[in-house]
PDB file of N, CA and C in Angstrom:
ATOM      1  N   MET A   1       5.071   0.719  19.585  1.00  0.00           N
ATOM      2  CA  MET A   1       3.775   1.299  19.382  1.00  0.00           C
ATOM      3  C   MET A   1       3.884   2.757  18.979  1.00  0.00           C
ATOM      4  N   THR A   2       5.028   3.382  19.254  1.00  0.00           N
ATOM      5  CA  THR A   2       5.200   4.745  18.819  1.00  0.00           C
ATOM      6  C   THR A   2       5.391   4.812  17.296  1.00  0.00           C
ATOM      7  N   LEU A   3       5.929   3.752  16.705  1.00  0.00           N
ATOM      8  CA  LEU A   3       6.087   3.679  15.256  1.00  0.00           C
ATOM      9  C   LEU A   3       4.721   3.734  14.565  1.00  0.00           C
ATOM     10  N   HIS A   4       3.709   3.187  15.197  1.00  0.00           N
ATOM     11  CA  HIS A   4       2.369   3.144  14.631  1.00  0.00           C
ATOM     12  C   HIS A   4       1.501   4.290  15.090  1.00  0.00           C
ATOM     13  N   ASN A   5       2.067   5.239  15.827  1.00  0.00           N
ATOM     14  CA  ASN A   5       1.320   6.422  16.321  1.00  0.00           C
ATOM     15  C   ASN A   5       0.087   6.057  17.128  1.00  0.00           C
ATOM     16  N   ILE A   6       0.207   5.082  18.005  1.00  0.00           N
ATOM     17  CA  ILE A   6      -0.910   4.695  18.861  1.00  0.00           C
ATOM     18  C   ILE A   6      -0.978   5.696  20.022  1.00  0.00           C
ATOM     19  N   PRO A   7      -2.111   6.394  20.180  1.00  0.00           N
ATOM     20  CA  PRO A   7      -2.200   7.340  21.288  1.00  0.00           C
ATOM     21  C   PRO A   7      -2.376   6.617  22.628  1.00  0.00           C
ATOM     22  N   LEU A   8      -1.807   7.169  23.655  1.00  0.00           N
ATOM     23  CA  LEU A   8      -1.911   6.653  25.024  1.00  0.00           C
ATOM     24  C   LEU A   8      -1.450   5.184  25.131  1.00  0.00           C
ATOM     25  N   ALA A   9      -0.378   4.844  24.458  1.00  0.00           N
ATOM     26  CA  ALA A   9       0.096   3.458  24.455  1.00  0.00           C
ATOM     27  C   ALA A   9       0.438   2.979  25.870  1.00  0.00           C
ATOM     28  N   ASN A  10       1.008   3.830  26.666  1.00  0.00           N
ATOM     29  CA  ASN A  10       1.370   3.437  28.036  1.00  0.00           C
ATOM     30  C   ASN A  10       0.157   3.123  28.890  1.00  0.00           C
ATOM     31  N   LEU A  11      -0.978   3.679  28.534  1.00  0.00           N
ATOM     32  CA  LEU A  11      -2.222   3.419  29.271  1.00  0.00           C
ATOM     33  C   LEU A  11      -2.972   2.225  28.676  1.00  0.00           C
ATOM     34  N   LEU A  12      -3.006   2.146  27.356  1.00  0.00           N
ATOM     35  CA  LEU A  12      -3.802   1.107  26.689  1.00  0.00           C
ATOM     36  C   LEU A  12      -3.205  -0.298  26.800  1.00  0.00           C
ATOM     37  N   LEU A  13      -1.893  -0.404  26.741  1.00  0.00           N
ATOM     38  CA  LEU A  13      -1.270  -1.734  26.783  1.00  0.00           C
ATOM     39  C   LEU A  13      -1.529  -2.456  28.117  1.00  0.00           C
ATOM     40  N   PRO A  14      -1.364  -1.817  29.261  1.00  0.00           N
ATOM     41  CA  PRO A  14      -1.671  -2.531  30.515  1.00  0.00           C
ATOM     42  C   PRO A  14      -3.140  -2.880  30.678  1.00  0.00           C
ATOM     43  N   ILE A  15      -4.025  -2.193  29.971  1.00  0.00           N
ATOM     44  CA  ILE A  15      -5.450  -2.535  30.026  1.00  0.00           C
ATOM     45  C   ILE A  15      -5.769  -3.678  29.061  1.00  0.00           C
ATOM     46  N   THR A  16      -5.158  -3.647  27.893  1.00  0.00           N
ATOM     47  CA  THR A  16      -5.463  -4.625  26.836  1.00  0.00           C
ATOM     48  C   THR A  16      -5.030  -6.027  27.187  1.00  0.00           C
ATOM     49  N   ILE A  17      -3.859  -6.173  27.768  1.00  0.00           N
ATOM     50  CA  ILE A  17      -3.333  -7.523  28.059  1.00  0.00           C
ATOM     51  C   ILE A  17      -4.236  -8.294  29.033  1.00  0.00           C
ATOM     52  N   PRO A  18      -4.584  -7.754  30.199  1.00  0.00           N
ATOM     53  CA  PRO A  18      -5.473  -8.525  31.070  1.00  0.00           C
ATOM     54  C   PRO A  18      -6.871  -8.710  30.473  1.00  0.00           C
ATOM     55  N   LEU A  19      -7.296  -7.747  29.647  1.00  0.00           N
ATOM     56  CA  LEU A  19      -8.606  -7.886  29.007  1.00  0.00           C
ATOM     57  C   LEU A  19      -8.615  -9.079  28.052  1.00  0.00           C
ATOM     58  N   GLN A  20      -7.564  -9.237  27.259  1.00  0.00           N
ATOM     59  CA  GLN A  20      -7.480 -10.365  26.342  1.00  0.00           C
ATOM     60  C   GLN A  20      -7.361 -11.697  27.097  1.00  0.00           C
ATOM     61  N   VAL A  21      -6.561 -11.718  28.124  1.00  0.00           N
ATOM     62  CA  VAL A  21      -6.410 -12.948  28.910  1.00  0.00           C
ATOM     63  C   VAL A  21      -7.730 -13.289  29.612  1.00  0.00           C
ATOM     64  N   GLY A  22      -8.382 -12.281  30.173  1.00  0.00           N
ATOM     65  CA  GLY A  22      -9.639 -12.530  30.857  1.00  0.00           C
ATOM     66  C   GLY A  22     -10.729 -12.991  29.916  1.00  0.00           C
ATOM     67  N   LEU A  23     -10.859 -12.347  28.756  1.00  0.00           N
ATOM     68  CA  LEU A  23     -11.869 -12.765  27.791  1.00  0.00           C
ATOM     69  C   LEU A  23     -11.582 -14.161  27.234  1.00  0.00           C
ATOM     70  N   GLY A  24     -10.315 -14.448  27.011  1.00  0.00           N
ATOM     71  CA  GLY A  24      -9.944 -15.797  26.553  1.00  0.00           C
ATOM     72  C   GLY A  24     -10.260 -16.857  27.593  1.00  0.00           C
ATOM     73  N   SER A  25     -10.026 -16.542  28.850  1.00  0.00           N
ATOM     74  CA  SER A  25     -10.352 -17.474  29.931  1.00  0.00           C
ATOM     75  C   SER A  25     -11.847 -17.673  30.040  1.00  0.00           C
ATOM     76  N   MET A  26     -12.606 -16.607  29.831  1.00  0.00           N
ATOM     77  CA  MET A  26     -14.073 -16.740  29.871  1.00  0.00           C
ATOM     78  C   MET A  26     -14.569 -17.635  28.742  1.00  0.00           C
ATOM     79  N   LEU A  27     -13.941 -17.520  27.569  1.00  0.00           N
ATOM     80  CA  LEU A  27     -14.323 -18.410  26.467  1.00  0.00           C
ATOM     81  C   LEU A  27     -14.015 -19.869  26.787  1.00  0.00           C
ATOM     82  N   ILE A  28     -12.850 -20.101  27.337  1.00  0.00           N
ATOM     83  CA  ILE A  28     -12.459 -21.473  27.693  1.00  0.00           C
ATOM     84  C   ILE A  28     -13.401 -22.042  28.746  1.00  0.00           C
ATOM     85  N   ALA A  29     -13.803 -21.210  29.700  1.00  0.00           N
ATOM     86  CA  ALA A  29     -14.701 -21.674  30.753  1.00  0.00           C
ATOM     87  C   ALA A  29     -16.146 -21.807  30.280  1.00  0.00           C
ATOM     88  N   GLY A  30     -16.457 -21.209  29.127  1.00  0.00           N
ATOM     89  CA  GLY A  30     -17.816 -21.301  28.597  1.00  0.00           C
ATOM     90  C   GLY A  30     -18.790 -20.327  29.221  1.00  0.00           C
ATOM     91  N   TYR A  31     -18.293 -19.244  29.774  1.00  0.00           N
ATOM     92  CA  TYR A  31     -19.123 -18.255  30.435  1.00  0.00           C
ATOM     93  C   TYR A  31     -19.524 -17.165  29.442  1.00  0.00           C
ATOM     94  N   ARG A  32     -20.816 -16.992  29.219  1.00  0.00           N
ATOM     95  CA  ARG A  32     -21.362 -15.959  28.312  1.00  0.00           C
ATOM     96  C   ARG A  32     -20.613 -15.952  26.992  1.00  0.00           C
ATOM     97  N   ILE A  33     -20.646 -17.063  26.304  1.00  0.00           N
ATOM     98  CA  ILE A  33     -19.825 -17.287  25.126  1.00  0.00           C
ATOM     99  C   ILE A  33     -20.074 -16.263  24.025  1.00  0.00           C
ATOM    100  N   LYS A  34     -21.325 -15.985  23.696  1.00  0.00           N
ATOM    101  CA  LYS A  34     -21.616 -15.068  22.591  1.00  0.00           C
ATOM    102  C   LYS A  34     -21.105 -13.668  22.873  1.00  0.00           C
ATOM    103  N   GLU A  35     -21.368 -13.144  24.050  1.00  0.00           N
ATOM    104  CA  GLU A  35     -20.943 -11.794  24.387  1.00  0.00           C
ATOM    105  C   GLU A  35     -19.404 -11.703  24.463  1.00  0.00           C
ATOM    106  N   THR A  36     -18.809 -12.729  25.058  1.00  0.00           N
ATOM    107  CA  THR A  36     -17.361 -12.746  25.205  1.00  0.00           C
ATOM    108  C   THR A  36     -16.678 -12.833  23.858  1.00  0.00           C
ATOM    109  N   ALA A  37     -17.182 -13.694  22.990  1.00  0.00           N
ATOM    110  CA  ALA A  37     -16.601 -13.846  21.648  1.00  0.00           C
ATOM    111  C   ALA A  37     -16.734 -12.561  20.851  1.00  0.00           C
ATOM    112  N   LEU A  38     -17.860 -11.907  20.977  1.00  0.00           N
ATOM    113  CA  LEU A  38     -18.071 -10.645  20.257  1.00  0.00           C
ATOM    114  C   LEU A  38     -17.086  -9.567  20.746  1.00  0.00           C
ATOM    115  N   LEU A  39     -16.940  -9.434  22.045  1.00  0.00           N
ATOM    116  CA  LEU A  39     -15.999  -8.455  22.591  1.00  0.00           C
ATOM    117  C   LEU A  39     -14.566  -8.759  22.184  1.00  0.00           C
ATOM    118  N   LEU A  40     -14.187 -10.028  22.228  1.00  0.00           N
ATOM    119  CA  LEU A  40     -12.824 -10.415  21.862  1.00  0.00           C
ATOM    120  C   LEU A  40     -12.601 -10.174  20.376  1.00  0.00           C
ATOM    121  N   ALA A  41     -13.588 -10.448  19.543  1.00  0.00           N
ATOM    122  CA  ALA A  41     -13.459 -10.195  18.127  1.00  0.00           C
ATOM    123  C   ALA A  41     -13.312  -8.719  17.817  1.00  0.00           C
ATOM    124  N   LEU A  42     -14.127  -7.892  18.456  1.00  0.00           N
ATOM    125  CA  LEU A  42     -14.033  -6.444  18.242  1.00  0.00           C
ATOM    126  C   LEU A  42     -12.686  -5.893  18.716  1.00  0.00           C
ATOM    127  N   LEU A  43     -12.231  -6.365  19.846  1.00  0.00           N
ATOM    128  CA  LEU A  43     -10.923  -5.930  20.361  1.00  0.00           C
ATOM    129  C   LEU A  43      -9.803  -6.347  19.395  1.00  0.00           C
ATOM    130  N   THR A  44      -9.887  -7.546  18.886  1.00  0.00           N
ATOM    131  CA  THR A  44      -8.874  -8.049  17.948  1.00  0.00           C
ATOM    132  C   THR A  44      -8.879  -7.215  16.671  1.00  0.00           C
ATOM    133  N   LEU A  45     -10.059  -6.901  16.151  1.00  0.00           N
ATOM    134  CA  LEU A  45     -10.130  -6.062  14.953  1.00  0.00           C
ATOM    135  C   LEU A  45      -9.551  -4.671  15.180  1.00  0.00           C
ATOM    136  N   LEU A  46      -9.874  -4.057  16.297  1.00  0.00           N
ATOM    137  CA  LEU A  46      -9.328  -2.741  16.607  1.00  0.00           C
ATOM    138  C   LEU A  46      -7.812  -2.770  16.683  1.00  0.00           C
ATOM    139  N   ILE A  47      -7.290  -3.776  17.346  1.00  0.00           N
ATOM    140  CA  ILE A  47      -5.831  -3.879  17.499  1.00  0.00           C
ATOM    141  C   ILE A  47      -5.176  -4.115  16.150  1.00  0.00           C
ATOM    142  N   ASN A  48      -5.760  -4.988  15.335  1.00  0.00           N
ATOM    143  CA  ASN A  48      -5.154  -5.282  14.035  1.00  0.00           C
ATOM    144  C   ASN A  48      -5.171  -4.095  13.087  1.00  0.00           C
ATOM    145  N   PHE A  49      -6.271  -3.344  13.064  1.00  0.00           N
ATOM    146  CA  PHE A  49      -6.295  -2.179  12.196  1.00  0.00           C
ATOM    147  C   PHE A  49      -5.324  -1.093  12.665  1.00  0.00           C
ATOM    148  N   GLY A  50      -5.081  -1.017  13.951  1.00  0.00           N
ATOM    149  CA  GLY A  50      -4.157  -0.028  14.459  1.00  0.00           C
ATOM    150  C   GLY A  50      -2.694  -0.436  14.341  1.00  0.00           C
ATOM    151  N   MET A  51      -2.406  -1.692  14.598  1.00  0.00           N
ATOM    152  CA  MET A  51      -1.008  -2.141  14.654  1.00  0.00           C
ATOM    153  C   MET A  51      -0.500  -2.740  13.342  1.00  0.00           C
ATOM    154  N   HIS A  52      -1.354  -3.312  12.543  1.00  0.00           N
ATOM    155  CA  HIS A  52      -0.901  -4.024  11.353  1.00  0.00           C
ATOM    156  C   HIS A  52      -1.398  -3.305  10.103  1.00  0.00           C
ATOM    157  N   ALA A  53      -1.040  -2.039  10.018  1.00  0.00           N
ATOM    158  CA  ALA A  53      -1.453  -1.227   8.862  1.00  0.00           C
ATOM    159  C   ALA A  53      -0.507  -1.493   7.704  1.00  0.00           C
ATOM    160  N   PHE A  54      -0.798  -2.521   6.927  1.00  0.00           N
ATOM    161  CA  PHE A  54       0.077  -2.930   5.843  1.00  0.00           C
ATOM    162  C   PHE A  54       0.098  -1.919   4.710  1.00  0.00           C
ATOM    163  N   TRP A  55      -0.886  -1.000   4.674  1.00  0.00           N
ATOM    164  CA  TRP A  55      -0.966  -0.016   3.617  1.00  0.00           C
ATOM    165  C   TRP A  55      -0.049   1.173   3.873  1.00  0.00           C
ATOM    166  N   LYS A  56       0.519   1.268   5.080  1.00  0.00           N
ATOM    167  CA  LYS A  56       1.433   2.373   5.393  1.00  0.00           C
ATOM    168  C   LYS A  56       2.864   1.941   5.124  1.00  0.00           C
ATOM    169  N   GLU A  57       3.671   2.889   4.757  1.00  0.00           N
ATOM    170  CA  GLU A  57       5.088   2.618   4.543  1.00  0.00           C
ATOM    171  C   GLU A  57       5.876   3.331   5.639  1.00  0.00           C
ATOM    172  N   TYR A  58       6.702   2.574   6.316  1.00  0.00           N
ATOM    173  CA  TYR A  58       7.489   3.120   7.403  1.00  0.00           C
ATOM    174  C   TYR A  58       8.935   3.265   6.963  1.00  0.00           C
ATOM    175  N   PRO A  59       9.597   4.315   7.364  1.00  0.00           N
ATOM    176  CA  PRO A  59      10.967   4.576   6.895  1.00  0.00           C
ATOM    177  C   PRO A  59      11.960   3.462   7.283  1.00  0.00           C
ATOM    178  N   GLN A  60      11.777   2.791   8.395  1.00  0.00           N
ATOM    179  CA  GLN A  60      12.711   1.758   8.807  1.00  0.00           C
ATOM    180  C   GLN A  60      12.536   0.473   8.027  1.00  0.00           C
ATOM    181  N   HIS A  61      11.430   0.303   7.330  1.00  0.00           N
ATOM    182  CA  HIS A  61      11.123  -0.995   6.699  1.00  0.00           C
ATOM    183  C   HIS A  61      10.896  -0.844   5.200  1.00  0.00           C
ATOM    184  N   ARG A  62      11.651   0.001   4.551  1.00  0.00           N
ATOM    185  CA  ARG A  62      11.495   0.164   3.097  1.00  0.00           C
ATOM    186  C   ARG A  62      12.109  -1.031   2.390  1.00  0.00           C
ATOM    187  N   HIS A  63      11.447  -1.440   1.334  1.00  0.00           N
ATOM    188  CA  HIS A  63      11.952  -2.545   0.527  1.00  0.00           C
ATOM    189  C   HIS A  63      12.983  -2.037  -0.455  1.00  0.00           C
ATOM    190  N   CYS A  64      13.913  -2.886  -0.773  1.00  0.00           N
ATOM    191  CA  CYS A  64      14.934  -2.535  -1.743  1.00  0.00           C
ATOM    192  C   CYS A  64      14.317  -2.477  -3.147  1.00  0.00           C
ATOM    193  N   PRO A  65      14.722  -1.509  -3.989  1.00  0.00           N
ATOM    194  CA  PRO A  65      14.126  -1.420  -5.336  1.00  0.00           C
ATOM    195  C   PRO A  65      14.552  -2.527  -6.235  1.00  0.00           C
TER     196      PRO A  65
END
């Protein structure tokens, strides 16, 4: 996560994992489906834009010319 310059990674990761598991369990159980799905979708989008920035070039992963 330091490669992607995520601030407060040591704080955010322990919060994000139980949040994803909890929201997924709520979806499976059928509890407040619309709200849960919306929160999980927003969380997924935030994580993907932060971690999977395909438009950035990182020095360790340069392609051969």
